[in-house]
Protein backbone atom coordinates (compact mmCIF):
# COMPACT_ATOMS: atom_id res chain seq x y z
CA MET A 1 105.60 33.34 -97.48
CA SER A 2 108.33 33.90 -100.03
CA ALA A 3 108.25 30.31 -101.51
CA ARG A 4 108.58 30.61 -105.20
CA VAL A 5 106.48 27.60 -106.60
CA PHE A 6 106.71 25.69 -109.56
CA VAL A 7 103.30 23.64 -110.84
CA LEU A 8 104.47 20.84 -113.29
CA GLY A 9 101.08 19.41 -114.68
CA ALA A 10 98.39 22.08 -116.27
CA GLY A 11 95.26 19.90 -115.58
CA ARG A 12 92.65 20.84 -114.06
CA ALA A 13 94.21 20.64 -110.46
CA GLY A 14 97.60 21.84 -111.24
CA LEU A 15 95.93 25.43 -113.09
CA GLY A 16 93.49 25.41 -110.29
CA LEU A 17 96.14 25.33 -107.37
CA ALA A 18 99.05 27.55 -109.79
CA ARG A 19 95.41 30.67 -109.30
CA ALA A 20 94.94 29.74 -105.60
CA LEU A 21 98.41 30.09 -104.76
CA ARG A 22 98.41 33.65 -107.03
CA ALA A 23 95.74 34.84 -105.41
CA SER A 24 97.03 33.95 -101.78
CA GLY A 25 99.54 36.25 -102.47
CA ILE A 26 102.45 32.98 -103.47
CA THR A 27 104.78 33.64 -106.27
CA VAL A 28 104.21 31.38 -108.71
CA ALA A 29 107.77 31.00 -111.03
CA GLY A 30 105.54 29.13 -113.88
CA VAL A 31 103.01 26.00 -114.61
CA HIS A 32 104.51 23.36 -117.15
CA GLY A 33 101.83 21.07 -119.14
CA ARG A 34 102.26 18.72 -122.09
CA ARG A 35 99.76 21.47 -124.22
CA ASN A 36 97.85 24.41 -124.08
CA ALA A 37 100.50 26.62 -123.95
CA GLY A 38 100.14 29.77 -123.08
CA GLY A 39 96.82 31.47 -121.63
CA PRO A 40 95.93 33.14 -118.91
CA ASP A 41 98.21 31.03 -116.69
CA GLY A 42 101.28 30.89 -118.90
CA VAL A 43 101.55 27.12 -119.14
CA THR A 44 104.96 26.34 -121.05
CA VAL A 45 105.45 23.12 -122.81
CA GLY A 46 108.32 20.96 -124.10
CA PRO A 47 111.44 20.83 -122.23
CA LEU A 48 111.69 21.95 -118.83
CA PRO A 49 111.74 25.68 -118.90
CA ALA A 50 114.82 27.46 -116.57
CA ALA A 51 111.85 29.22 -114.50
CA LEU A 52 112.39 25.94 -112.80
CA GLY A 53 115.44 26.62 -111.38
CA GLU A 54 114.03 29.50 -109.44
CA ALA A 55 111.77 27.38 -107.84
CA THR A 56 111.96 27.06 -103.51
CA VAL A 57 109.03 24.55 -104.02
CA VAL A 58 108.19 22.30 -107.18
CA LEU A 59 104.25 21.23 -106.82
CA VAL A 60 104.09 18.07 -109.55
CA THR A 61 100.28 17.73 -109.99
CA VAL A 62 100.16 15.05 -112.90
CA ARG A 63 98.28 12.24 -113.33
CA ASP A 64 99.24 9.19 -110.93
CA ALA A 65 100.07 7.19 -114.30
CA GLN A 66 102.31 9.59 -114.84
CA MET A 67 103.71 10.71 -111.62
CA ASP A 68 107.03 8.54 -111.74
CA ASP A 69 107.88 10.18 -115.00
CA ALA A 70 107.59 13.90 -114.20
CA ILE A 71 109.79 13.34 -111.14
CA ARG A 72 112.29 11.51 -113.10
CA GLN A 73 112.22 14.34 -115.13
CA LEU A 74 112.81 16.21 -112.38
CA ALA A 75 115.73 14.42 -111.37
CA GLU A 76 117.56 14.95 -113.97
CA ALA A 77 116.57 18.95 -114.19
CA PRO A 78 118.57 22.02 -112.94
CA LEU A 79 116.51 22.27 -109.85
CA ALA A 80 117.67 25.30 -106.88
CA PRO A 81 119.85 23.92 -104.28
CA GLY A 82 117.13 23.36 -101.50
CA ALA A 83 114.35 22.89 -103.32
CA VAL A 84 111.89 20.71 -101.93
CA VAL A 85 109.52 18.15 -104.22
CA LEU A 86 105.64 17.85 -103.46
CA HIS A 87 103.42 16.07 -105.50
CA ALA A 88 99.52 16.04 -105.25
CA SER A 89 99.07 12.67 -105.12
CA GLY A 90 96.87 11.29 -102.23
CA SER A 91 97.08 7.39 -103.42
CA GLN A 92 100.97 6.85 -103.98
CA ASP A 93 104.49 7.47 -102.94
CA PRO A 94 105.78 7.52 -106.12
CA GLU A 95 109.20 5.73 -106.29
CA ALA A 96 110.91 8.04 -108.28
CA LEU A 97 111.26 10.27 -105.01
CA ALA A 98 114.05 8.40 -104.34
CA LEU A 99 116.08 9.95 -107.31
CA VAL A 100 115.35 13.46 -106.35
CA ARG A 101 115.80 12.70 -102.65
CA ALA A 102 119.77 11.04 -103.72
CA ARG A 103 120.47 14.47 -104.88
CA GLY A 104 119.70 16.26 -102.25
CA HIS A 105 116.17 17.25 -102.04
CA GLU A 106 113.33 16.87 -99.57
CA ALA A 107 110.10 15.13 -100.96
CA GLY A 108 106.63 14.73 -99.83
CA THR A 109 103.06 15.25 -100.43
CA PHE A 110 100.16 17.82 -100.70
CA HIS A 111 96.57 16.94 -101.52
CA PRO A 112 94.16 18.83 -101.57
CA LEU A 113 91.07 17.45 -99.96
CA VAL A 114 88.59 19.31 -102.57
CA PRO A 115 87.31 18.12 -105.71
CA LEU A 116 89.77 20.57 -108.05
CA ALA A 117 87.79 19.90 -111.24
CA ASP A 118 86.85 23.60 -111.78
CA PRO A 119 90.56 25.82 -111.69
CA ALA A 120 88.53 28.84 -111.19
CA ARG A 121 86.97 27.85 -108.08
CA ALA A 122 89.87 26.38 -106.09
CA ALA A 123 90.67 29.53 -104.41
CA ALA A 124 87.46 29.72 -102.64
CA LEU A 125 87.57 25.82 -102.35
CA LEU A 126 90.43 25.80 -100.57
CA ARG A 127 90.00 28.32 -97.80
CA GLY A 128 88.80 26.20 -94.61
CA ALA A 129 89.90 22.41 -96.59
CA TRP A 130 92.20 20.32 -95.20
CA VAL A 131 95.52 19.05 -97.28
CA GLY A 132 96.86 15.46 -96.83
CA VAL A 133 100.69 15.68 -95.98
CA ASP A 134 103.56 13.35 -95.42
CA GLY A 135 107.51 12.97 -96.20
CA ASP A 136 110.67 14.58 -95.16
CA ALA A 137 110.63 16.57 -92.22
CA GLY A 138 111.17 19.93 -94.53
CA ALA A 139 108.80 18.93 -97.03
CA ARG A 140 106.12 18.71 -94.55
CA ALA A 141 106.56 21.94 -93.29
CA ALA A 142 106.75 23.53 -96.93
CA ALA A 143 103.41 21.79 -97.31
CA ARG A 144 102.49 23.32 -93.73
CA GLU A 145 102.91 26.55 -95.30
CA LEU A 146 101.47 26.30 -98.49
CA ALA A 147 98.36 24.92 -96.88
CA ALA A 148 98.26 28.17 -94.33
CA ALA A 149 98.92 30.24 -96.95
CA LEU A 150 96.14 29.05 -98.86
CA GLY A 151 93.50 29.03 -95.97
CA ALA A 152 93.61 25.37 -95.74
CA GLU A 153 94.30 23.24 -92.93
CA THR A 154 96.71 20.38 -93.12
CA LEU A 155 96.06 16.43 -92.05
CA GLU A 156 99.59 14.54 -91.42
CA ILE A 157 99.14 11.18 -93.40
CA PRO A 158 99.71 8.51 -91.19
CA ALA A 159 102.72 5.90 -92.19
CA GLY A 160 101.62 3.03 -94.20
CA GLU A 161 98.30 4.41 -94.39
CA LYS A 162 97.64 6.14 -97.80
CA ALA A 163 95.23 3.72 -99.34
CA ARG A 164 92.92 4.30 -96.67
CA TYR A 165 93.21 7.65 -96.65
CA HIS A 166 92.59 7.80 -99.98
CA ALA A 167 90.12 5.34 -99.99
CA ALA A 168 88.09 7.64 -97.05
CA ALA A 169 88.49 10.78 -99.48
CA VAL A 170 87.36 9.03 -102.29
CA LEU A 171 84.05 7.21 -100.56
CA VAL A 172 83.23 11.44 -99.30
CA SER A 173 84.26 12.91 -103.00
CA ASN A 174 82.95 10.70 -105.50
CA PHE A 175 80.22 8.27 -104.07
CA HIS A 176 77.70 11.15 -104.07
CA ALA A 177 77.34 11.59 -107.45
CA VAL A 178 77.20 8.00 -107.82
CA LEU A 179 74.14 7.41 -105.17
CA LEU A 180 72.46 10.86 -107.30
CA ALA A 181 72.89 8.47 -110.59
CA LEU A 182 71.16 5.51 -108.65
CA GLY A 183 68.60 7.47 -107.60
CA GLU A 184 67.48 8.59 -110.85
CA ARG A 185 67.84 5.15 -112.00
CA VAL A 186 65.01 3.83 -109.32
CA LEU A 187 62.77 6.60 -110.62
CA ALA A 188 63.05 5.97 -114.30
CA GLU A 189 62.77 2.47 -113.34
CA ALA A 190 59.61 3.54 -111.60
CA GLY A 191 58.48 5.49 -114.49
CA VAL A 192 59.49 8.70 -113.67
CA ALA A 193 61.14 10.95 -117.33
CA PRO A 194 65.12 10.72 -116.89
CA ASP A 195 65.13 14.51 -117.45
CA VAL A 196 62.09 14.55 -114.40
CA ALA A 197 64.29 12.56 -111.92
CA ARG A 198 67.21 14.60 -112.47
CA ARG A 199 65.58 17.93 -111.73
CA ALA A 200 63.50 16.93 -108.99
CA LEU A 201 66.31 15.06 -106.98
CA ARG A 202 69.06 17.50 -107.39
CA PRO A 203 67.10 19.90 -104.58
CA LEU A 204 66.97 16.98 -102.64
CA PHE A 205 70.48 16.25 -102.70
CA PHE A 206 72.17 19.59 -102.57
CA ALA A 207 70.12 20.19 -99.56
CA ALA A 208 70.78 16.83 -97.85
CA THR A 209 74.42 18.29 -98.48
CA GLU A 210 74.13 21.38 -96.72
CA ASN A 211 72.29 19.91 -93.52
CA LEU A 212 76.06 18.74 -93.05
CA ARG A 213 77.37 22.17 -92.61
CA GLU A 214 75.20 22.76 -89.35
CA ARG A 215 75.06 18.89 -88.03
CA GLU A 216 77.08 16.29 -87.85
CA GLY A 217 76.34 12.08 -87.64
CA ALA A 218 73.01 11.41 -86.96
CA GLN A 219 71.57 14.98 -86.69
CA ALA A 220 71.71 14.80 -90.07
CA LEU A 221 70.44 11.93 -90.71
CA THR A 222 66.28 11.81 -92.04
CA GLY A 223 64.57 8.99 -92.95
CA PRO A 224 63.12 5.72 -92.12
CA ILE A 225 65.97 3.86 -90.34
CA VAL A 226 66.67 7.25 -88.11
CA ARG A 227 63.39 7.46 -87.45
CA GLY A 228 63.10 3.15 -86.47
CA ASP A 229 60.62 2.55 -89.25
CA VAL A 230 61.43 -1.08 -90.15
CA GLU A 231 58.28 -0.92 -91.99
CA THR A 232 58.97 1.28 -94.80
CA VAL A 233 62.69 0.00 -95.12
CA GLN A 234 60.63 -3.54 -95.84
CA ARG A 235 58.88 -2.01 -98.96
CA HIS A 236 62.04 -0.27 -100.19
CA LEU A 237 63.68 -3.69 -100.26
CA ALA A 238 60.75 -5.47 -102.39
CA ALA A 239 60.94 -2.42 -104.43
CA LEU A 240 64.13 -3.00 -105.32
CA ALA A 241 64.27 -6.45 -105.53
CA SER A 242 64.05 -5.91 -109.50
CA ASP A 243 67.10 -4.39 -109.69
CA PRO A 244 70.25 -6.19 -107.44
CA GLU A 245 72.94 -3.76 -108.08
CA VAL A 246 70.82 -0.95 -106.61
CA LEU A 247 69.40 -3.17 -103.61
CA GLU A 248 72.96 -4.39 -102.64
CA VAL A 249 73.93 -0.73 -102.33
CA TYR A 250 70.91 0.32 -100.38
CA ARG A 251 71.28 -3.06 -97.96
CA VAL A 252 75.54 -1.98 -97.43
CA LEU A 253 74.70 1.71 -97.18
CA SER A 254 71.72 0.96 -94.66
CA ARG A 255 73.54 -1.59 -92.49
CA ALA A 256 76.30 1.52 -92.43
CA ALA A 257 73.54 4.28 -91.45
CA LEU A 258 72.78 2.02 -88.78
CA ASP A 259 75.66 2.48 -86.92
CA VAL A 260 75.16 6.06 -86.78
CA ALA A 261 71.59 5.99 -86.20
CA PRO A 262 71.56 5.54 -82.41
CA GLY A 263 73.53 8.63 -81.78
CA ALA A 264 69.91 10.40 -82.47
CA GLY A 265 68.11 8.45 -79.70
CA THR A 266 65.90 5.87 -82.09
CA GLU A 267 64.88 3.08 -79.91
CA GLY A 268 66.99 -0.38 -80.01
CA GLU A 269 64.92 -2.93 -80.54
CA LYS A 270 63.89 -1.09 -83.94
CA LEU A 271 67.23 -0.76 -85.18
CA GLU A 272 68.10 -4.13 -84.40
CA ALA A 273 64.51 -5.22 -86.52
CA ILE A 274 65.86 -2.81 -89.70
CA ARG A 275 69.36 -4.50 -89.43
CA ARG A 276 67.91 -8.06 -89.95
CA ALA A 277 65.81 -6.97 -92.61
CA VAL A 278 68.87 -5.22 -94.57
CA THR A 279 70.73 -8.79 -93.80
CA LEU A 280 68.54 -11.13 -94.31
CA ARG A 281 68.93 -11.95 -98.04
CA SER A 282 65.92 -13.54 -100.17
CA ARG A 283 65.42 -16.93 -101.28
CA SER A 284 66.27 -17.96 -104.68
């Protein structure tokens, strides 16, 4: 595509997107940040450079808390006529976008649904991934073109539902690491050395995640709930009683799993028995 993209924000997400765009043949007019000037990504710091005025798309990738300030800078900068401003926040609609719109620039969201923790892996992660988009018609069109060039698909974020959209992304992308940490904690409470617990659970964790490449929903579930094994679930509840925080996580996730399990053909009576077990609170 003929777009020239300027990336404002040189954190992991900004650097990853800049590298992925370049790898896809898209011209990156510049990458601007607050520090770490130069380097392989050619990051500039300080006042916004003249290269900003050559961009047809400005992609703002700063942290959410800095988003409005960064966009206010753009509203005062010499943007190219008709340049589109996209931001990578999945959780908010920055108020400052009204300022760039008042100057005649269409604006919207470009939120990759991938964890951009390592800039070197961004191009590979984005291929086949999805990008959440919204905003003005021209901004959505530009976002779809960028996504297509990266090998990604787009998801139109429903109007007024950005918080729910982002919560879904956080549930999937953040809490798996928390679950692994909780599993390590439970093994440590059982007397297993923390380093052994970590090394033992990680292959299980990755194998379970890999199952989702080939299976969906109930077909990817294993364990006592999908088997209808109420006795094992009851033993888990008893064992976890000494750690109320982990016990509550187990109860909540078990109830959610019960909504998925019927797709595997598990007997309804057994599932109902498990539901009673994970819902019933111990008497104090």
